[in-house]
Amino acid sequence: MGSSQIIAGVDEVGRGALFGPVVAAAVILPATAIAPLTAAGVTDSKQLTADKRNRLAAQIRQLADCGVGLASSYEIDRINILQASLLAMSRAIARLKTPPQKCLVDGNQRIPHLPMAQETVVKGDQSVLAIAAASIIAKVWRDALIVRLSKHYPGYDLASNKGYGSAKHREGIAQLGVCRQHRLSFKSCQGVSQSSPKTPAQKR
């Protein structure tokens, strides 16, 4: 790897959620960003508090080239969650201001039809700073989206569970049925009517 090579770290969040899109981010860190972001504590987003993620995301955006891409719940149902995750990653890379020469992709699945070199890195969000930065950008962006959507879809406790299958979320599905942002191909969302007569929320 030449030191002048433009490298993007790529990661996604929301694969296991029952509601909302899967979101990916791609981040190109200039050499000048590496020391301050390391010192600030950039690491796998799952190991950080929400406040710390928000602070780090703002810092990463100031110092780095960031792209965000998503695949909708409809696309997840149509092509499956793995393919939708890879599609979101591809869209995130396309949103970067500068096309990278190589992408370091979290996990073990290559992104199909990518026009540049790529390398998969298992647990890359714990070992590669650019992937960790991408995990933070994607998580903060998706969480903010789900909080906004929670106002339109009350009854599922989305602001708290961020679309994942918490007890309150499953309870909401049982009582209200599913809405158009739910992933109907996921087992927890199946066998539940979208227009059940016993769901007042659907009649509004």
N, C-alpha and C. Protein backbone atom coordinates (compact mmCIF):
# COMPACT_ATOMS: atom_id res chain seq x y z
N MET A 1 0.84 -1.19 0.00
CA MET A 1 0.00 0.00 0.00
C MET A 1 0.88 1.24 0.00
N GLY A 2 0.87 1.98 -1.10
CA GLY A 2 1.62 3.22 -1.14
C GLY A 2 1.01 4.23 -0.22
N SER A 3 1.89 5.07 0.39
CA SER A 3 1.35 6.02 1.37
C SER A 3 0.48 7.08 0.70
N SER A 4 0.66 7.28 -0.61
CA SER A 4 -0.12 8.31 -1.30
C SER A 4 -1.45 7.77 -1.83
N GLN A 5 -1.67 6.47 -1.66
CA GLN A 5 -2.92 5.87 -2.16
C GLN A 5 -4.12 6.39 -1.38
N ILE A 6 -5.19 6.72 -2.12
CA ILE A 6 -6.41 7.21 -1.45
C ILE A 6 -7.25 6.01 -1.06
N ILE A 7 -7.38 5.83 0.26
CA ILE A 7 -8.05 4.64 0.80
C ILE A 7 -9.28 5.06 1.59
N ALA A 8 -10.40 4.37 1.36
CA ALA A 8 -11.63 4.62 2.11
C ALA A 8 -11.92 3.44 3.01
N GLY A 9 -12.32 3.73 4.24
CA GLY A 9 -12.85 2.70 5.12
C GLY A 9 -14.36 2.67 4.96
N VAL A 10 -14.95 1.48 4.93
CA VAL A 10 -16.38 1.33 4.66
C VAL A 10 -17.01 0.40 5.69
N ASP A 11 -18.16 0.83 6.26
CA ASP A 11 -18.87 -0.02 7.22
C ASP A 11 -20.36 0.28 7.12
N GLU A 12 -21.18 -0.64 7.66
CA GLU A 12 -22.63 -0.43 7.65
C GLU A 12 -23.20 -0.67 9.03
N VAL A 13 -24.40 -0.13 9.26
CA VAL A 13 -25.12 -0.38 10.51
C VAL A 13 -26.59 -0.66 10.19
N GLY A 14 -27.22 -1.37 11.12
CA GLY A 14 -28.65 -1.61 10.97
C GLY A 14 -29.02 -2.91 10.30
N ARG A 15 -28.07 -3.80 10.14
CA ARG A 15 -28.40 -5.07 9.47
C ARG A 15 -29.40 -5.89 10.26
N GLY A 16 -29.30 -5.85 11.60
CA GLY A 16 -30.16 -6.68 12.42
C GLY A 16 -31.46 -6.04 12.84
N ALA A 17 -31.68 -4.79 12.42
CA ALA A 17 -32.90 -4.08 12.83
C ALA A 17 -34.12 -4.64 12.10
N LEU A 18 -35.31 -4.40 12.68
CA LEU A 18 -36.57 -4.83 12.05
C LEU A 18 -37.23 -3.70 11.26
N PHE A 19 -36.72 -2.48 11.47
CA PHE A 19 -37.39 -1.29 10.95
C PHE A 19 -36.35 -0.36 10.33
N GLY A 20 -36.69 0.23 9.19
CA GLY A 20 -35.86 1.26 8.61
C GLY A 20 -34.77 0.71 7.71
N PRO A 21 -34.03 1.62 7.09
CA PRO A 21 -33.01 1.21 6.13
C PRO A 21 -31.75 0.67 6.80
N VAL A 22 -30.93 0.00 6.00
CA VAL A 22 -29.56 -0.29 6.41
C VAL A 22 -28.73 0.87 5.86
N VAL A 23 -27.81 1.38 6.67
CA VAL A 23 -27.06 2.59 6.33
C VAL A 23 -25.57 2.27 6.35
N ALA A 24 -24.86 2.77 5.34
CA ALA A 24 -23.41 2.57 5.27
C ALA A 24 -22.72 3.93 5.17
N ALA A 25 -21.46 3.95 5.58
CA ALA A 25 -20.64 5.14 5.40
C ALA A 25 -19.30 4.74 4.84
N ALA A 26 -18.72 5.65 4.07
CA ALA A 26 -17.36 5.50 3.56
C ALA A 26 -16.58 6.74 4.00
N VAL A 27 -15.38 6.54 4.51
CA VAL A 27 -14.59 7.65 5.04
C VAL A 27 -13.16 7.57 4.51
N ILE A 28 -12.70 8.69 3.94
CA ILE A 28 -11.29 8.82 3.55
C ILE A 28 -10.63 9.75 4.56
N LEU A 29 -9.66 9.23 5.29
CA LEU A 29 -8.96 10.03 6.30
C LEU A 29 -7.66 10.58 5.70
N PRO A 30 -7.51 11.91 5.65
CA PRO A 30 -6.20 12.45 5.28
C PRO A 30 -5.18 12.13 6.37
N ALA A 31 -3.91 12.11 6.00
CA ALA A 31 -2.85 11.76 6.97
C ALA A 31 -2.93 12.65 8.21
N THR A 32 -3.33 13.92 8.02
CA THR A 32 -3.37 14.86 9.14
C THR A 32 -4.48 14.53 10.14
N ALA A 33 -5.44 13.69 9.74
CA ALA A 33 -6.57 13.38 10.63
C ALA A 33 -6.27 12.20 11.55
N ILE A 34 -5.26 11.41 11.21
CA ILE A 34 -5.06 10.15 11.92
C ILE A 34 -4.71 10.36 13.40
N ALA A 35 -3.74 11.23 13.69
CA ALA A 35 -3.34 11.45 15.09
C ALA A 35 -4.48 12.05 15.92
N PRO A 36 -5.14 13.14 15.46
CA PRO A 36 -6.21 13.70 16.30
C PRO A 36 -7.39 12.74 16.51
N LEU A 37 -7.75 11.98 15.49
CA LEU A 37 -8.89 11.06 15.65
C LEU A 37 -8.52 9.86 16.53
N THR A 38 -7.28 9.42 16.45
CA THR A 38 -6.82 8.35 17.34
C THR A 38 -6.83 8.85 18.79
N ALA A 39 -6.32 10.07 18.98
CA ALA A 39 -6.28 10.65 20.32
C ALA A 39 -7.69 10.90 20.87
N ALA A 40 -8.62 11.22 19.98
CA ALA A 40 -10.00 11.50 20.41
C ALA A 40 -10.75 10.23 20.80
N GLY A 41 -10.21 9.06 20.41
CA GLY A 41 -10.83 7.80 20.84
C GLY A 41 -11.71 7.14 19.79
N VAL A 42 -11.46 7.41 18.50
CA VAL A 42 -12.25 6.76 17.45
C VAL A 42 -12.02 5.26 17.49
N THR A 43 -13.12 4.51 17.61
CA THR A 43 -13.06 3.05 17.62
C THR A 43 -14.42 2.53 17.14
N ASP A 44 -14.59 1.23 17.18
CA ASP A 44 -15.86 0.60 16.80
C ASP A 44 -17.02 1.32 17.49
N SER A 45 -17.99 1.78 16.69
CA SER A 45 -19.09 2.60 17.22
C SER A 45 -19.86 1.89 18.33
N LYS A 46 -19.91 0.56 18.28
CA LYS A 46 -20.68 -0.20 19.28
C LYS A 46 -20.06 -0.10 20.66
N GLN A 47 -18.79 0.31 20.74
CA GLN A 47 -18.11 0.40 22.03
C GLN A 47 -18.19 1.80 22.63
N LEU A 48 -18.91 2.71 21.96
CA LEU A 48 -18.97 4.10 22.41
C LEU A 48 -20.37 4.48 22.88
N THR A 49 -20.45 5.44 23.77
CA THR A 49 -21.76 5.96 24.17
C THR A 49 -22.31 6.83 23.05
N ALA A 50 -23.60 7.09 23.07
CA ALA A 50 -24.23 7.92 22.03
C ALA A 50 -23.62 9.32 22.02
N ASP A 51 -23.39 9.91 23.19
CA ASP A 51 -22.80 11.25 23.26
C ASP A 51 -21.41 11.29 22.64
N LYS A 52 -20.62 10.28 22.97
CA LYS A 52 -19.25 10.22 22.44
C LYS A 52 -19.29 10.02 20.92
N ARG A 53 -20.19 9.17 20.44
CA ARG A 53 -20.32 8.96 18.99
C ARG A 53 -20.68 10.27 18.28
N ASN A 54 -21.62 11.01 18.87
CA ASN A 54 -22.05 12.27 18.24
C ASN A 54 -20.89 13.26 18.17
N ARG A 55 -20.12 13.35 19.25
CA ARG A 55 -18.97 14.27 19.25
C ARG A 55 -17.93 13.84 18.22
N LEU A 56 -17.65 12.54 18.19
CA LEU A 56 -16.64 12.03 17.25
C LEU A 56 -17.10 12.19 15.80
N ALA A 57 -18.39 11.96 15.56
CA ALA A 57 -18.91 12.09 14.19
C ALA A 57 -18.70 13.50 13.67
N ALA A 58 -18.96 14.50 14.53
CA ALA A 58 -18.76 15.91 14.13
C ALA A 58 -17.29 16.16 13.81
N GLN A 59 -16.41 15.58 14.63
CA GLN A 59 -14.97 15.77 14.42
C GLN A 59 -14.51 15.08 13.13
N ILE A 60 -15.00 13.86 12.90
CA ILE A 60 -14.64 13.12 11.69
C ILE A 60 -15.07 13.90 10.44
N ARG A 61 -16.30 14.43 10.48
CA ARG A 61 -16.81 15.19 9.32
C ARG A 61 -15.98 16.43 9.04
N GLN A 62 -15.43 17.04 10.09
CA GLN A 62 -14.59 18.23 9.89
C GLN A 62 -13.27 17.87 9.22
N LEU A 63 -12.75 16.69 9.56
CA LEU A 63 -11.39 16.33 9.14
C LEU A 63 -11.32 15.43 7.91
N ALA A 64 -12.41 14.75 7.58
CA ALA A 64 -12.35 13.68 6.57
C ALA A 64 -13.40 13.85 5.49
N ASP A 65 -13.22 13.13 4.40
CA ASP A 65 -14.22 13.04 3.32
C ASP A 65 -15.15 11.89 3.67
N CYS A 66 -16.44 12.20 3.86
CA CYS A 66 -17.41 11.17 4.29
C CYS A 66 -18.54 11.06 3.29
N GLY A 67 -18.93 9.84 2.98
CA GLY A 67 -20.11 9.58 2.16
C GLY A 67 -21.05 8.64 2.89
N VAL A 68 -22.35 8.89 2.79
CA VAL A 68 -23.35 8.02 3.42
C VAL A 68 -24.28 7.48 2.34
N GLY A 69 -24.60 6.19 2.42
CA GLY A 69 -25.54 5.56 1.49
C GLY A 69 -26.48 4.66 2.26
N LEU A 70 -27.65 4.42 1.72
CA LEU A 70 -28.58 3.53 2.41
C LEU A 70 -29.31 2.64 1.41
N ALA A 71 -29.90 1.59 1.94
CA ALA A 71 -30.83 0.75 1.17
C ALA A 71 -32.10 0.64 2.00
N SER A 72 -33.23 0.90 1.38
CA SER A 72 -34.51 0.99 2.08
C SER A 72 -35.02 -0.38 2.53
N SER A 73 -36.00 -0.35 3.42
CA SER A 73 -36.61 -1.61 3.87
C SER A 73 -37.22 -2.35 2.69
N TYR A 74 -37.77 -1.60 1.71
CA TYR A 74 -38.31 -2.24 0.51
C TYR A 74 -37.21 -2.98 -0.26
N GLU A 75 -36.04 -2.33 -0.39
CA GLU A 75 -34.92 -2.98 -1.10
C GLU A 75 -34.41 -4.18 -0.30
N ILE A 76 -34.39 -4.07 1.02
CA ILE A 76 -33.97 -5.20 1.86
C ILE A 76 -34.88 -6.41 1.61
N ASP A 77 -36.19 -6.16 1.57
CA ASP A 77 -37.14 -7.25 1.33
C ASP A 77 -36.98 -7.83 -0.08
N ARG A 78 -36.59 -6.98 -1.02
CA ARG A 78 -36.53 -7.42 -2.41
C ARG A 78 -35.26 -8.22 -2.71
N ILE A 79 -34.12 -7.77 -2.17
CA ILE A 79 -32.85 -8.41 -2.58
C ILE A 79 -32.14 -9.12 -1.43
N ASN A 80 -32.65 -9.06 -0.22
CA ASN A 80 -32.15 -9.64 1.04
C ASN A 80 -31.18 -8.68 1.74
N ILE A 81 -31.03 -8.88 3.03
CA ILE A 81 -30.30 -7.91 3.87
C ILE A 81 -28.82 -7.85 3.51
N LEU A 82 -28.20 -8.98 3.17
CA LEU A 82 -26.77 -8.93 2.82
C LEU A 82 -26.56 -8.09 1.56
N GLN A 83 -27.32 -8.39 0.51
CA GLN A 83 -27.15 -7.64 -0.74
C GLN A 83 -27.49 -6.16 -0.56
N ALA A 84 -28.50 -5.89 0.28
CA ALA A 84 -28.88 -4.49 0.54
C ALA A 84 -27.76 -3.77 1.29
N SER A 85 -27.10 -4.47 2.22
CA SER A 85 -25.97 -3.87 2.95
C SER A 85 -24.84 -3.51 2.00
N LEU A 86 -24.54 -4.42 1.08
CA LEU A 86 -23.47 -4.18 0.10
C LEU A 86 -23.85 -3.05 -0.85
N LEU A 87 -25.15 -2.96 -1.19
CA LEU A 87 -25.63 -1.88 -2.05
C LEU A 87 -25.49 -0.53 -1.33
N ALA A 88 -25.84 -0.49 -0.05
CA ALA A 88 -25.68 0.74 0.73
C ALA A 88 -24.21 1.17 0.78
N MET A 89 -23.31 0.19 0.93
CA MET A 89 -21.87 0.49 0.94
C MET A 89 -21.42 1.10 -0.39
N SER A 90 -21.88 0.48 -1.47
CA SER A 90 -21.54 0.97 -2.80
C SER A 90 -22.03 2.41 -2.99
N ARG A 91 -23.24 2.70 -2.51
CA ARG A 91 -23.79 4.06 -2.61
C ARG A 91 -23.02 5.05 -1.76
N ALA A 92 -22.56 4.60 -0.59
CA ALA A 92 -21.76 5.48 0.28
C ALA A 92 -20.45 5.86 -0.40
N ILE A 93 -19.80 4.88 -1.02
CA ILE A 93 -18.52 5.15 -1.71
C ILE A 93 -18.74 6.15 -2.85
N ALA A 94 -19.86 6.00 -3.55
CA ALA A 94 -20.17 6.89 -4.68
C ALA A 94 -20.42 8.33 -4.22
N ARG A 95 -20.75 8.51 -2.93
CA ARG A 95 -21.04 9.86 -2.41
C ARG A 95 -19.78 10.59 -1.93
N LEU A 96 -18.63 9.93 -1.94
CA LEU A 96 -17.40 10.59 -1.53
C LEU A 96 -17.03 11.68 -2.55
N LYS A 97 -16.43 12.76 -2.06
CA LYS A 97 -16.02 13.84 -2.97
C LYS A 97 -14.89 13.37 -3.89
N THR A 98 -13.99 12.57 -3.33
CA THR A 98 -12.86 12.04 -4.10
C THR A 98 -13.02 10.53 -4.24
N PRO A 99 -13.02 10.00 -5.47
CA PRO A 99 -13.11 8.53 -5.61
C PRO A 99 -11.85 7.88 -5.04
N PRO A 100 -12.02 6.92 -4.11
CA PRO A 100 -10.83 6.26 -3.56
C PRO A 100 -10.21 5.30 -4.56
N GLN A 101 -8.95 5.01 -4.35
CA GLN A 101 -8.28 4.00 -5.20
C GLN A 101 -8.48 2.60 -4.62
N LYS A 102 -8.75 2.56 -3.33
CA LYS A 102 -8.96 1.26 -2.69
C LYS A 102 -9.94 1.44 -1.53
N CYS A 103 -10.78 0.42 -1.29
CA CYS A 103 -11.71 0.43 -0.17
C CYS A 103 -11.38 -0.71 0.78
N LEU A 104 -11.32 -0.39 2.06
CA LEU A 104 -11.19 -1.40 3.11
C LEU A 104 -12.58 -1.60 3.69
N VAL A 105 -13.14 -2.79 3.48
CA VAL A 105 -14.54 -3.06 3.78
C VAL A 105 -14.66 -3.93 5.02
N ASP A 106 -15.42 -3.46 6.01
CA ASP A 106 -15.61 -4.24 7.22
C ASP A 106 -16.34 -5.55 6.91
N GLY A 107 -15.87 -6.65 7.52
CA GLY A 107 -16.53 -7.94 7.32
C GLY A 107 -15.79 -8.82 6.33
N ASN A 108 -16.50 -9.82 5.80
CA ASN A 108 -15.85 -10.77 4.88
C ASN A 108 -16.53 -10.84 3.52
N GLN A 109 -17.40 -9.87 3.23
CA GLN A 109 -18.13 -9.89 1.96
C GLN A 109 -17.66 -8.75 1.06
N ARG A 110 -17.28 -9.11 -0.16
CA ARG A 110 -16.85 -8.09 -1.12
C ARG A 110 -18.07 -7.37 -1.70
N ILE A 111 -17.89 -6.11 -2.05
CA ILE A 111 -18.95 -5.31 -2.65
C ILE A 111 -18.97 -5.59 -4.15
N PRO A 112 -20.10 -6.06 -4.71
CA PRO A 112 -20.14 -6.39 -6.13
C PRO A 112 -19.97 -5.15 -7.01
N HIS A 113 -19.31 -5.35 -8.15
CA HIS A 113 -19.21 -4.34 -9.22
C HIS A 113 -18.55 -3.04 -8.76
N LEU A 114 -17.66 -3.12 -7.79
CA LEU A 114 -16.99 -1.91 -7.33
C LEU A 114 -15.89 -1.55 -8.33
N PRO A 115 -15.83 -0.28 -8.78
CA PRO A 115 -14.89 0.06 -9.85
C PRO A 115 -13.46 0.26 -9.37
N MET A 116 -13.21 0.06 -8.06
CA MET A 116 -11.84 0.19 -7.55
C MET A 116 -11.47 -1.03 -6.73
N ALA A 117 -10.19 -1.12 -6.36
CA ALA A 117 -9.72 -2.27 -5.57
C ALA A 117 -10.41 -2.26 -4.21
N GLN A 118 -10.57 -3.44 -3.65
CA GLN A 118 -11.16 -3.53 -2.30
C GLN A 118 -10.52 -4.68 -1.54
N GLU A 119 -10.57 -4.55 -0.23
CA GLU A 119 -10.06 -5.61 0.65
C GLU A 119 -11.03 -5.72 1.82
N THR A 120 -11.44 -6.94 2.14
CA THR A 120 -12.34 -7.12 3.29
C THR A 120 -11.49 -7.30 4.54
N VAL A 121 -11.98 -6.74 5.65
CA VAL A 121 -11.26 -6.81 6.92
C VAL A 121 -12.25 -7.24 8.00
N VAL A 122 -12.11 -8.49 8.46
CA VAL A 122 -13.00 -8.98 9.52
C VAL A 122 -12.71 -8.21 10.80
N LYS A 123 -13.78 -7.72 11.45
CA LYS A 123 -13.67 -6.86 12.64
C LYS A 123 -12.81 -5.63 12.34
N GLY A 124 -12.93 -5.12 11.13
CA GLY A 124 -12.15 -3.95 10.72
C GLY A 124 -12.48 -2.72 11.53
N ASP A 125 -13.71 -2.66 12.07
CA ASP A 125 -14.07 -1.48 12.87
C ASP A 125 -13.29 -1.43 14.17
N GLN A 126 -12.62 -2.53 14.52
CA GLN A 126 -11.79 -2.54 15.74
C GLN A 126 -10.30 -2.38 15.43
N SER A 127 -9.92 -2.51 14.15
CA SER A 127 -8.49 -2.52 13.83
C SER A 127 -8.06 -1.48 12.80
N VAL A 128 -9.01 -0.92 12.04
CA VAL A 128 -8.66 0.05 10.99
C VAL A 128 -9.37 1.36 11.31
N LEU A 129 -8.61 2.43 11.49
CA LEU A 129 -9.18 3.71 11.93
C LEU A 129 -10.26 4.22 10.96
N ALA A 130 -10.00 4.12 9.67
CA ALA A 130 -10.97 4.64 8.69
C ALA A 130 -12.29 3.85 8.74
N ILE A 131 -12.21 2.54 8.99
CA ILE A 131 -13.44 1.74 9.10
C ILE A 131 -14.17 2.09 10.40
N ALA A 132 -13.42 2.27 11.49
CA ALA A 132 -14.04 2.69 12.76
C ALA A 132 -14.74 4.03 12.58
N ALA A 133 -14.11 4.95 11.86
CA ALA A 133 -14.72 6.26 11.60
C ALA A 133 -16.00 6.10 10.79
N ALA A 134 -15.96 5.20 9.80
CA ALA A 134 -17.15 4.94 8.98
C ALA A 134 -18.27 4.35 9.83
N SER A 135 -17.93 3.49 10.78
CA SER A 135 -18.95 2.88 11.64
C SER A 135 -19.64 3.94 12.49
N ILE A 136 -18.87 4.94 12.93
CA ILE A 136 -19.43 6.03 13.75
C ILE A 136 -20.34 6.92 12.90
N ILE A 137 -19.87 7.30 11.72
CA ILE A 137 -20.67 8.17 10.83
C ILE A 137 -21.99 7.48 10.48
N ALA A 138 -21.93 6.20 10.12
CA ALA A 138 -23.14 5.46 9.72
C ALA A 138 -24.11 5.33 10.90
N LYS A 139 -23.58 5.01 12.08
CA LYS A 139 -24.43 4.81 13.26
C LYS A 139 -25.13 6.10 13.67
N VAL A 140 -24.40 7.20 13.71
CA VAL A 140 -24.97 8.48 14.12
C VAL A 140 -26.03 8.94 13.11
N TRP A 141 -25.73 8.75 11.83
CA TRP A 141 -26.67 9.16 10.77
C TRP A 141 -27.95 8.33 10.85
N ARG A 142 -27.81 7.01 11.02
CA ARG A 142 -28.99 6.14 11.06
C ARG A 142 -29.82 6.39 12.32
N ASP A 143 -29.15 6.53 13.46
CA ASP A 143 -29.88 6.77 14.71
C ASP A 143 -30.71 8.05 14.60
N ALA A 144 -30.12 9.11 14.03
CA ALA A 144 -30.84 10.38 13.88
C ALA A 144 -32.06 10.20 12.97
N LEU A 145 -31.89 9.42 11.91
CA LEU A 145 -33.01 9.15 10.99
C LEU A 145 -34.14 8.41 11.71
N ILE A 146 -33.80 7.38 12.49
CA ILE A 146 -34.84 6.60 13.17
C ILE A 146 -35.57 7.45 14.21
N VAL A 147 -34.84 8.33 14.90
CA VAL A 147 -35.49 9.22 15.86
C VAL A 147 -36.49 10.13 15.14
N ARG A 148 -36.12 10.63 13.96
CA ARG A 148 -37.07 11.45 13.18
C ARG A 148 -38.27 10.62 12.74
N LEU A 149 -38.03 9.41 12.28
CA LEU A 149 -39.12 8.54 11.82
C LEU A 149 -40.04 8.13 12.97
N SER A 150 -39.48 8.07 14.19
CA SER A 150 -40.29 7.63 15.34
C SER A 150 -41.48 8.55 15.57
N LYS A 151 -41.36 9.82 15.17
CA LYS A 151 -42.47 10.77 15.34
C LYS A 151 -43.63 10.42 14.40
N HIS A 152 -43.31 9.82 13.25
CA HIS A 152 -44.34 9.44 12.27
C HIS A 152 -44.92 8.06 12.55
N TYR A 153 -44.17 7.24 13.30
CA TYR A 153 -44.60 5.86 13.57
C TYR A 153 -44.56 5.61 15.07
N PRO A 154 -45.48 6.23 15.83
CA PRO A 154 -45.49 6.02 17.29
C PRO A 154 -45.96 4.61 17.64
N GLY A 155 -45.66 4.20 18.85
CA GLY A 155 -46.16 2.91 19.34
C GLY A 155 -45.15 1.79 19.28
N TYR A 156 -43.97 2.05 18.66
CA TYR A 156 -42.95 1.00 18.55
C TYR A 156 -41.71 1.29 19.40
N ASP A 157 -41.71 2.42 20.12
CA ASP A 157 -40.57 2.81 20.97
C ASP A 157 -39.28 2.95 20.16
N LEU A 158 -39.41 3.48 18.94
CA LEU A 158 -38.27 3.52 18.01
C LEU A 158 -37.15 4.45 18.47
N ALA A 159 -37.51 5.57 19.10
CA ALA A 159 -36.48 6.51 19.53
C ALA A 159 -35.51 5.84 20.50
N SER A 160 -36.03 4.88 21.26
CA SER A 160 -35.20 4.16 22.22
C SER A 160 -34.49 2.97 21.58
N ASN A 161 -35.21 2.16 20.77
CA ASN A 161 -34.60 0.91 20.27
C ASN A 161 -33.94 1.05 18.90
N LYS A 162 -34.10 2.22 18.25
CA LYS A 162 -33.49 2.50 16.94
C LYS A 162 -33.87 1.47 15.87
N GLY A 163 -35.05 0.88 16.04
CA GLY A 163 -35.53 -0.05 15.02
C GLY A 163 -35.17 -1.50 15.27
N TYR A 164 -34.39 -1.76 16.32
CA TYR A 164 -34.04 -3.15 16.64
C TYR A 164 -35.18 -3.81 17.41
N GLY A 165 -35.12 -5.12 17.53
CA GLY A 165 -36.25 -5.89 18.05
C GLY A 165 -36.34 -5.96 19.56
N SER A 166 -36.43 -4.81 20.20
CA SER A 166 -36.59 -4.79 21.66
C SER A 166 -37.96 -5.35 22.03
N ALA A 167 -38.14 -5.62 23.32
CA ALA A 167 -39.44 -6.15 23.78
C ALA A 167 -40.57 -5.17 23.45
N LYS A 168 -40.33 -3.87 23.67
CA LYS A 168 -41.38 -2.88 23.40
C LYS A 168 -41.68 -2.78 21.90
N HIS A 169 -40.66 -2.92 21.08
CA HIS A 169 -40.86 -2.88 19.63
C HIS A 169 -41.71 -4.07 19.18
N ARG A 170 -41.36 -5.25 19.68
CA ARG A 170 -42.12 -6.46 19.31
C ARG A 170 -43.56 -6.37 19.82
N GLU A 171 -43.70 -5.80 21.00
CA GLU A 171 -45.03 -5.59 21.57
C GLU A 171 -45.86 -4.65 20.67
N GLY A 172 -45.21 -3.60 20.19
CA GLY A 172 -45.87 -2.66 19.28
C GLY A 172 -46.30 -3.32 17.99
N ILE A 173 -45.45 -4.19 17.47
CA ILE A 173 -45.79 -4.92 16.24
C ILE A 173 -47.00 -5.83 16.49
N ALA A 174 -47.00 -6.50 17.65
CA ALA A 174 -48.11 -7.40 17.99
C ALA A 174 -49.43 -6.63 18.11
N GLN A 175 -49.36 -5.43 18.66
CA GLN A 175 -50.59 -4.65 18.90
C GLN A 175 -51.03 -3.85 17.68
N LEU A 176 -50.06 -3.26 16.97
CA LEU A 176 -50.39 -2.32 15.89
C LEU A 176 -50.23 -2.91 14.49
N GLY A 177 -49.58 -4.06 14.40
CA GLY A 177 -49.20 -4.56 13.08
C GLY A 177 -47.91 -3.89 12.63
N VAL A 178 -47.55 -4.10 11.38
CA VAL A 178 -46.32 -3.51 10.85
C VAL A 178 -46.67 -2.27 10.03
N CYS A 179 -45.66 -1.42 9.81
CA CYS A 179 -45.85 -0.24 8.96
C CYS A 179 -44.94 -0.35 7.74
N ARG A 180 -45.00 0.63 6.88
CA ARG A 180 -44.27 0.50 5.60
C ARG A 180 -42.75 0.55 5.75
N GLN A 181 -42.26 0.95 6.92
CA GLN A 181 -40.81 0.96 7.14
C GLN A 181 -40.29 -0.35 7.75
N HIS A 182 -41.20 -1.26 8.10
CA HIS A 182 -40.75 -2.54 8.65
C HIS A 182 -40.23 -3.45 7.54
N ARG A 183 -39.32 -4.32 7.91
CA ARG A 183 -38.73 -5.27 6.95
C ARG A 183 -39.58 -6.53 6.96
N LEU A 184 -40.44 -6.65 5.98
CA LEU A 184 -41.43 -7.72 5.99
C LEU A 184 -40.82 -9.10 5.77
N SER A 185 -39.58 -9.13 5.24
CA SER A 185 -38.91 -10.42 5.03
C SER A 185 -38.29 -10.95 6.32
N PHE A 186 -38.27 -10.13 7.38
CA PHE A 186 -37.70 -10.58 8.65
C PHE A 186 -38.76 -11.33 9.44
N LYS A 187 -38.35 -12.42 10.08
CA LYS A 187 -39.29 -13.32 10.75
C LYS A 187 -40.21 -12.60 11.75
N SER A 188 -39.65 -11.67 12.52
CA SER A 188 -40.46 -10.99 13.55
C SER A 188 -41.55 -10.11 12.95
N CYS A 189 -41.43 -9.80 11.66
CA CYS A 189 -42.43 -8.94 11.01
C CYS A 189 -43.41 -9.75 10.17
N GLN A 190 -43.24 -11.07 10.15
CA GLN A 190 -44.09 -11.90 9.30
C GLN A 190 -45.30 -12.41 10.08
N GLY A 191 -46.36 -12.71 9.36
CA GLY A 191 -47.57 -13.21 9.97
C GLY A 191 -48.31 -12.12 10.73
N VAL A 192 -47.93 -10.86 10.48
CA VAL A 192 -48.59 -9.73 11.13
C VAL A 192 -49.21 -8.88 10.03
N SER A 193 -50.48 -8.64 10.13
CA SER A 193 -51.17 -7.90 9.07
C SER A 193 -50.77 -6.44 9.07
N GLN A 194 -50.64 -5.89 7.87
CA GLN A 194 -50.35 -4.47 7.76
C GLN A 194 -51.64 -3.65 7.82
N SER A 195 -52.76 -4.29 7.58
CA SER A 195 -54.03 -3.54 7.59
C SER A 195 -55.05 -4.28 8.45
N SER A 196 -54.56 -4.76 9.60
CA SER A 196 -55.44 -5.51 10.50
C SER A 196 -56.58 -4.63 11.03
N PRO A 197 -57.81 -5.13 11.03
CA PRO A 197 -58.93 -4.31 11.51
C PRO A 197 -58.81 -3.92 12.98
N LYS A 198 -57.97 -4.64 13.74
CA LYS A 198 -57.87 -4.32 15.17
C LYS A 198 -56.78 -3.28 15.46
N THR A 199 -56.27 -2.62 14.43
CA THR A 199 -55.17 -1.68 14.65
C THR A 199 -55.61 -0.26 14.34
N PRO A 200 -55.99 0.49 15.37
CA PRO A 200 -56.43 1.86 15.15
C PRO A 200 -55.36 2.74 14.50
N ALA A 201 -54.09 2.43 14.77
CA ALA A 201 -53.03 3.25 14.20
C ALA A 201 -53.04 3.22 12.68
N GLN A 202 -53.50 2.11 12.11
CA GLN A 202 -53.52 1.99 10.65
C GLN A 202 -54.69 2.73 10.04
N LYS A 203 -55.69 3.10 10.85
CA LYS A 203 -56.91 3.70 10.28
C LYS A 203 -56.83 5.21 10.19
N ARG A 204 -55.79 5.79 10.86
CA ARG A 204 -55.73 7.25 10.86
C ARG A 204 -55.48 7.79 9.46
